Amino acid sequence: MKNLKLFFSINRAYIFSFFIFLISSLIFSFAFPIDFKIFSYCLIILFFIFLFIGIFRFFKAKKCLEKNSFSFFEKNLYERHLKEIFERKDKEIEDLRISSKLRQNDLESLLTIWTHQIKTPLSSISLISEREENYDIKRELIRIDDYIASILSFIKLGQDSLDYSFKSFSIERLVKDIVKRYRSFFIHKNLKLILDIEDENAISDPKWLGFVIEQVLFNSIKYTDRGFIKISYHNFILKIEDSGIGIKASDLKNINKFGFSGDSDKRNANSTGIGLFLVNDILKKLGYAYKIESKEKNGTIFSINLKKSDIIEN
């Protein structure tokens, strides 16, 4: 059906011309005595000539359209003018795309340099806060450091490939190092920490997996005001469970979209909607399946299956 429409579209002028000739010939044949047999033969021959030309034009036009070429449509001034317009617009679009890409690269370079430079004064402030035992400042510095890490991760995820470094490491050690980083938040909010982790090694990228765990754990801390946070690892399944405010059922399907924070922005002004977007992107690139189970006011369970990774297998 699509090819038939294309055929009639390309040969519209030829088909109209044939029918006009046919109607005028019939009128002429009634007005003047003409041998009907000769007239029929002429019409049949003319029909096949038109059909042959139409089929030839159809296949030539189809081939040109598949190649995105205008070479077939250059036989009159109007079509040549259209070709020039399209070629000029294509060039303008390509120039804009290159300019936009260069601008994006410059912006990414600037952000990368800025995030690395700002870490130096933040480290100094962190040392001062520890010396003064000011845990309020320490907690805010951790927040800033997490935001900086999110910016760097977002930039790296936009590049062609991640700087993977797969190796064998202890899941328990990785989790404990991350928990230690957030210990002041647990103390400040009086949250109970439950660790139930099999003492075994896993093969993955500890840096990117660690970033994922940090983002999920910090979300749990942020939205849990009382109760517990449990981290478990059994049979290749890593779970982070909390007794926090949970996620609305209507928000679950959109929770990993860029900038989406759902109803959480009404409860926490610092919600950016970037953390789970990055988590989703990283886990997809690492080849790990995950799921989020949550009910409003009944906490959240974030599970990651570390058993298989397409990157390791390939």
Protein backbone atom coordinates (compact mmCIF):
# COMPACT_ATOMS: atom_id res chain seq x y z
CA MET A 1 0.00 0.00 0.00
CA LYS A 2 2.85 2.38 0.86
CA ASN A 3 4.65 1.63 -2.43
CA LEU A 4 1.38 2.10 -4.34
CA LYS A 5 0.89 5.54 -2.79
CA LEU A 6 4.48 6.43 -3.67
CA PHE A 7 3.95 5.24 -7.25
CA PHE A 8 0.85 7.40 -7.76
CA SER A 9 2.50 10.35 -6.01
CA ILE A 10 5.55 10.27 -8.30
CA ASN A 11 3.56 9.67 -11.52
CA ARG A 12 0.58 11.88 -10.74
CA ALA A 13 1.20 14.15 -13.75
CA TYR A 14 1.62 11.17 -16.13
CA ILE A 15 -1.57 9.49 -14.86
CA PHE A 16 -3.61 12.71 -15.21
CA SER A 17 -2.20 13.25 -18.70
CA PHE A 18 -3.14 9.71 -19.73
CA PHE A 19 -6.71 10.04 -18.46
CA ILE A 20 -7.13 13.46 -20.08
CA PHE A 21 -5.88 12.00 -23.38
CA LEU A 22 -8.20 8.98 -22.96
CA ILE A 23 -11.29 11.13 -22.32
CA SER A 24 -10.50 13.54 -25.17
CA SER A 25 -9.86 10.58 -27.52
CA LEU A 26 -13.21 9.00 -26.61
CA ILE A 27 -14.99 12.29 -27.29
CA PHE A 28 -13.11 12.62 -30.58
CA SER A 29 -13.99 9.02 -31.56
CA PHE A 30 -17.70 9.73 -31.07
CA ALA A 31 -17.49 12.93 -33.08
CA PHE A 32 -15.65 11.38 -36.04
CA PRO A 33 -15.79 7.88 -37.51
CA ILE A 34 -12.59 6.07 -36.37
CA ASP A 35 -11.77 2.36 -36.55
CA PHE A 36 -12.42 1.15 -32.99
CA LYS A 37 -9.89 -1.71 -33.20
CA ILE A 38 -7.05 0.59 -34.28
CA PHE A 39 -8.10 3.07 -31.64
CA SER A 40 -8.04 0.34 -28.93
CA TYR A 41 -4.58 -0.86 -30.02
CA CYS A 42 -3.25 2.70 -29.84
CA LEU A 43 -4.69 3.14 -26.34
CA ILE A 44 -3.20 -0.18 -25.13
CA ILE A 45 0.23 0.69 -26.57
CA LEU A 46 0.04 4.16 -25.03
CA PHE A 47 -1.03 2.64 -21.66
CA PHE A 48 1.99 0.31 -21.58
CA ILE A 49 4.33 3.15 -22.56
CA PHE A 50 2.99 5.23 -19.66
CA LEU A 51 3.17 2.18 -17.34
CA PHE A 52 6.79 1.46 -18.32
CA ILE A 53 7.78 5.10 -17.76
CA GLY A 54 5.89 5.15 -14.44
CA ILE A 55 7.56 1.96 -13.14
CA PHE A 56 10.98 3.23 -14.22
CA ARG A 57 10.39 6.56 -12.42
CA PHE A 58 9.07 4.75 -9.32
CA PHE A 59 12.14 2.55 -8.83
CA LYS A 60 14.55 5.36 -9.61
CA ALA A 61 12.79 7.72 -7.19
CA LYS A 62 12.60 5.02 -4.49
CA LYS A 63 16.33 4.38 -4.79
CA CYS A 64 17.08 8.10 -4.54
CA LEU A 65 14.81 8.50 -1.51
CA GLU A 66 16.52 5.58 0.26
CA LYS A 67 19.88 7.28 -0.34
CA ASN A 68 18.40 10.64 0.75
CA SER A 69 19.43 12.00 -2.65
CA PHE A 70 17.77 14.68 -4.77
CA SER A 71 19.45 13.63 -8.01
CA PHE A 72 16.13 12.40 -9.43
CA PHE A 73 14.36 15.67 -8.76
CA GLU A 74 16.61 18.02 -10.70
CA LYS A 75 14.90 18.22 -14.07
CA ASN A 76 13.19 21.54 -13.62
CA LEU A 77 14.07 24.88 -12.06
CA TYR A 78 11.67 24.51 -9.11
CA GLU A 79 13.09 21.12 -8.08
CA ARG A 80 16.69 22.36 -8.41
CA HIS A 81 15.79 25.31 -6.20
CA LEU A 82 14.30 22.95 -3.60
CA LYS A 83 17.48 20.90 -3.65
CA GLU A 84 19.60 24.00 -3.04
CA ILE A 85 17.37 25.03 -0.10
CA PHE A 86 17.57 21.57 1.50
CA GLU A 87 21.34 21.38 1.03
CA ARG A 88 21.79 24.84 2.55
CA LYS A 89 19.57 23.99 5.53
CA ASP A 90 21.40 20.69 6.03
CA LYS A 91 24.69 22.56 6.17
CA GLU A 92 23.28 25.09 8.65
CA ILE A 93 21.98 22.29 10.87
CA GLU A 94 25.34 20.50 10.74
CA ASP A 95 27.18 23.72 11.61
CA LEU A 96 24.84 24.28 14.56
CA ARG A 97 25.34 20.68 15.71
CA ILE A 98 29.14 21.05 15.60
CA SER A 99 28.98 24.42 17.36
CA SER A 100 26.67 22.99 20.03
CA LYS A 101 28.97 19.99 20.54
CA LEU A 102 32.02 22.23 20.93
CA ARG A 103 30.11 24.42 23.38
CA GLN A 104 29.04 21.36 25.35
CA ASN A 105 32.62 20.07 25.44
CA ASP A 106 33.83 23.46 26.73
CA LEU A 107 31.13 23.49 29.40
CA GLU A 108 31.99 19.94 30.49
CA SER A 109 35.69 20.83 30.68
CA LEU A 110 34.89 23.94 32.74
CA LEU A 111 32.68 21.96 35.14
CA THR A 112 35.31 19.23 35.48
CA ILE A 113 38.05 21.75 36.28
CA TRP A 114 35.78 23.65 38.67
CA THR A 115 34.70 20.55 40.58
CA HIS A 116 38.31 19.42 41.00
CA GLN A 117 39.48 22.89 42.07
CA ILE A 118 36.72 23.36 44.65
CA LYS A 119 37.65 20.08 46.35
CA THR A 120 40.85 21.64 47.73
CA PRO A 121 39.17 24.35 49.88
CA LEU A 122 36.46 21.84 50.87
CA SER A 123 39.13 19.44 52.14
CA SER A 124 40.65 22.26 54.20
CA ILE A 125 37.26 23.14 55.69
CA SER A 126 36.69 19.45 56.44
CA LEU A 127 39.96 19.23 58.38
CA ILE A 128 39.03 22.36 60.35
CA SER A 129 35.56 20.95 61.17
CA GLU A 130 37.12 17.71 62.45
CA ARG A 131 39.63 19.60 64.57
CA GLU A 132 36.83 21.74 66.01
CA GLU A 133 34.53 18.69 66.19
CA ASN A 134 31.84 20.60 64.35
CA TYR A 135 29.70 17.83 62.89
CA ASP A 136 27.10 20.21 61.46
CA ILE A 137 29.70 21.63 59.10
CA LYS A 138 31.00 18.13 58.41
CA ARG A 139 27.55 16.95 57.32
CA GLU A 140 27.05 19.93 55.01
CA LEU A 141 30.47 19.31 53.48
CA ILE A 142 29.48 15.72 52.74
CA ARG A 143 26.34 17.02 51.01
CA ILE A 144 28.42 19.39 48.86
CA ASP A 145 30.88 16.61 48.06
CA ASP A 146 27.99 14.37 46.97
CA TYR A 147 26.64 17.09 44.67
CA ILE A 148 30.10 17.55 43.14
CA ALA A 149 30.41 13.78 42.63
CA SER A 150 26.99 13.81 40.90
CA ILE A 151 28.15 16.54 38.49
CA LEU A 152 31.33 14.63 37.61
CA SER A 153 29.40 11.38 37.19
CA PHE A 154 26.82 13.10 34.98
CA ILE A 155 29.60 14.43 32.73
CA LYS A 156 31.33 11.03 32.50
CA LEU A 157 28.07 9.23 31.75
CA GLY A 158 27.53 11.54 28.77
CA GLN A 159 30.81 10.43 27.23
CA ASP A 160 31.23 7.47 24.89
CA SER A 161 32.36 5.05 27.60
CA LEU A 162 32.90 4.84 31.33
CA ASP A 163 36.37 4.35 32.78
CA TYR A 164 35.59 0.82 33.95
CA SER A 165 37.94 -0.95 36.31
CA PHE A 166 36.55 -4.38 37.18
CA LYS A 167 38.23 -6.34 39.93
CA SER A 168 37.55 -8.61 42.88
CA PHE A 169 36.79 -6.78 46.12
CA SER A 170 35.00 -7.25 49.42
CA ILE A 171 31.38 -6.08 49.38
CA GLU A 172 31.46 -5.86 53.18
CA ARG A 173 34.52 -3.61 53.14
CA LEU A 174 33.01 -1.36 50.47
CA VAL A 175 29.72 -0.98 52.36
CA LYS A 176 31.44 -0.33 55.69
CA ASP A 177 33.64 2.39 54.15
CA ILE A 178 30.56 4.10 52.73
CA VAL A 179 28.62 3.80 55.99
CA LYS A 180 31.58 5.24 57.87
CA ARG A 181 31.43 8.31 55.63
CA TYR A 182 27.80 8.95 56.64
CA ARG A 183 28.12 8.02 60.32
CA SER A 184 27.47 11.61 61.49
CA PHE A 185 24.07 11.53 59.73
CA PHE A 186 23.12 8.33 61.53
CA ILE A 187 24.13 9.87 64.87
CA HIS A 188 22.39 13.17 64.15
CA LYS A 189 19.08 11.49 63.21
CA ASN A 190 19.44 8.68 65.75
CA LEU A 191 18.96 6.02 63.08
CA LYS A 192 19.70 2.36 63.73
CA LEU A 193 22.08 0.76 61.23
CA ILE A 194 21.69 -2.98 60.50
CA LEU A 195 24.38 -4.74 58.47
CA ASP A 196 23.70 -8.29 57.26
CA ILE A 197 26.39 -8.95 54.67
CA GLU A 198 27.95 -12.21 53.53
CA ASP A 199 31.71 -12.02 53.87
CA GLU A 200 32.63 -12.72 50.26
CA ASN A 201 34.21 -11.01 47.28
CA ALA A 202 32.40 -9.72 44.20
CA ILE A 203 33.71 -8.85 40.75
CA SER A 204 32.60 -5.42 39.66
CA ASP A 205 33.75 -1.82 39.40
CA PRO A 206 34.02 -0.72 43.06
CA LYS A 207 34.13 2.99 42.21
CA TRP A 208 30.89 3.09 40.20
CA LEU A 209 29.13 0.52 42.38
CA GLY A 210 30.23 2.50 45.43
CA PHE A 211 28.75 5.66 43.90
CA VAL A 212 25.43 3.82 43.39
CA ILE A 213 25.39 2.60 47.00
CA GLU A 214 26.21 6.11 48.24
CA GLN A 215 23.34 7.66 46.28
CA VAL A 216 20.79 5.07 47.43
CA LEU A 217 22.01 5.13 51.04
CA PHE A 218 21.98 8.93 51.21
CA ASN A 219 18.42 8.94 49.84
CA SER A 220 17.44 6.51 52.61
CA ILE A 221 19.07 8.75 55.23
CA LYS A 222 17.47 11.86 53.77
CA TYR A 223 13.94 10.45 53.85
CA THR A 224 14.15 8.46 57.10
CA ASP A 225 13.57 10.50 60.24
CA ARG A 226 13.20 7.59 62.66
CA GLY A 227 13.72 3.85 62.72
CA PHE A 228 16.40 1.96 60.84
CA ILE A 229 18.39 1.49 57.65
CA LYS A 230 19.37 -2.07 56.77
CA ILE A 231 22.02 -3.10 54.24
CA SER A 232 22.17 -6.79 53.33
CA TYR A 233 24.01 -8.92 50.78
CA HIS A 234 23.09 -12.56 50.16
CA ASN A 235 23.18 -14.71 47.00
CA PHE A 236 24.47 -11.78 44.89
CA ILE A 237 21.52 -9.55 45.91
CA LEU A 238 22.47 -6.27 47.56
CA LYS A 239 19.56 -4.61 49.40
CA ILE A 240 19.24 -1.22 51.06
CA GLU A 241 16.09 -1.04 53.16
CA ASP A 242 14.76 1.83 55.26
CA SER A 243 11.79 2.70 57.44
CA GLY A 244 11.37 6.14 55.86
CA ILE A 245 8.50 7.99 54.27
CA GLY A 246 8.44 5.75 51.18
CA ILE A 247 7.48 6.63 47.63
CA LYS A 248 3.98 7.16 46.24
CA ALA A 249 2.86 4.42 43.84
CA SER A 250 2.24 7.02 41.12
CA ASP A 251 5.83 8.27 41.45
CA LEU A 252 7.59 4.89 41.28
CA LYS A 253 7.47 4.63 37.48
CA ASN A 254 9.10 8.07 37.07
CA ILE A 255 11.50 8.04 40.01
CA ASN A 256 14.59 7.40 37.85
CA LYS A 257 13.86 10.15 35.31
CA PHE A 258 16.12 13.19 35.15
CA GLY A 259 15.00 15.97 37.51
CA PHE A 260 12.01 14.03 38.83
CA SER A 261 11.61 14.20 42.59
CA GLY A 262 7.87 13.54 42.80
CA ASP A 263 6.23 14.47 46.06
CA SER A 264 9.61 14.50 47.81
CA ASP A 265 10.29 18.10 46.83
CA LYS A 266 7.45 19.17 49.15
CA ARG A 267 9.16 17.37 52.04
CA ASN A 268 12.80 18.12 51.26
CA ALA A 269 13.93 21.33 49.59
CA ASN A 270 17.33 19.77 48.71
CA SER A 271 15.83 17.14 46.43
CA THR A 272 17.28 17.49 42.91
CA GLY A 273 15.91 14.39 41.19
CA ILE A 274 19.37 13.57 39.78
CA GLY A 275 20.60 10.84 42.15
CA LEU A 276 18.36 7.98 41.02
CA PHE A 277 18.67 9.10 37.40
CA LEU A 278 22.44 8.58 37.69
CA VAL A 279 21.94 5.30 39.57
CA ASN A 280 19.66 4.00 36.80
CA ASP A 281 22.12 5.02 34.08
CA ILE A 282 25.17 3.54 35.83
CA LEU A 283 23.49 0.21 36.63
CA LYS A 284 22.32 -0.11 33.02
CA LYS A 285 25.84 0.51 31.75
CA LEU A 286 27.28 -1.92 34.29
CA GLY A 287 24.73 -4.53 33.19
CA TYR A 288 22.99 -5.00 36.56
CA ALA A 289 19.27 -5.41 37.11
CA TYR A 290 17.62 -3.61 40.00
CA LYS A 291 14.18 -2.96 41.46
CA ILE A 292 12.60 -0.49 43.87
CA GLU A 293 9.83 -1.63 46.20
CA SER A 294 8.12 1.06 48.23
CA LYS A 295 4.88 2.09 49.87
CA GLU A 296 4.11 5.55 51.11
CA LYS A 297 4.85 5.86 54.85
CA ASN A 298 6.14 2.25 54.90
CA GLY A 299 9.74 2.61 53.74
CA THR A 300 11.65 1.59 50.63
CA ILE A 301 13.71 -1.44 49.53
CA PHE A 302 16.29 -0.95 46.78
CA SER A 303 17.66 -4.26 45.42
CA ILE A 304 20.57 -4.79 42.99
CA ASN A 305 21.35 -8.14 41.38
CA LEU A 306 25.15 -8.40 41.10
CA LYS A 307 25.14 -11.95 39.77
CA LYS A 308 25.50 -11.10 36.09
CA SER A 309 27.09 -8.27 34.19
CA ASP A 310 27.11 -8.03 30.40
CA ILE A 311 30.42 -6.16 30.56
CA ILE A 312 32.17 -8.92 32.53
CA GLU A 313 30.73 -11.66 30.30
CA ASN A 314 31.74 -9.88 27.09
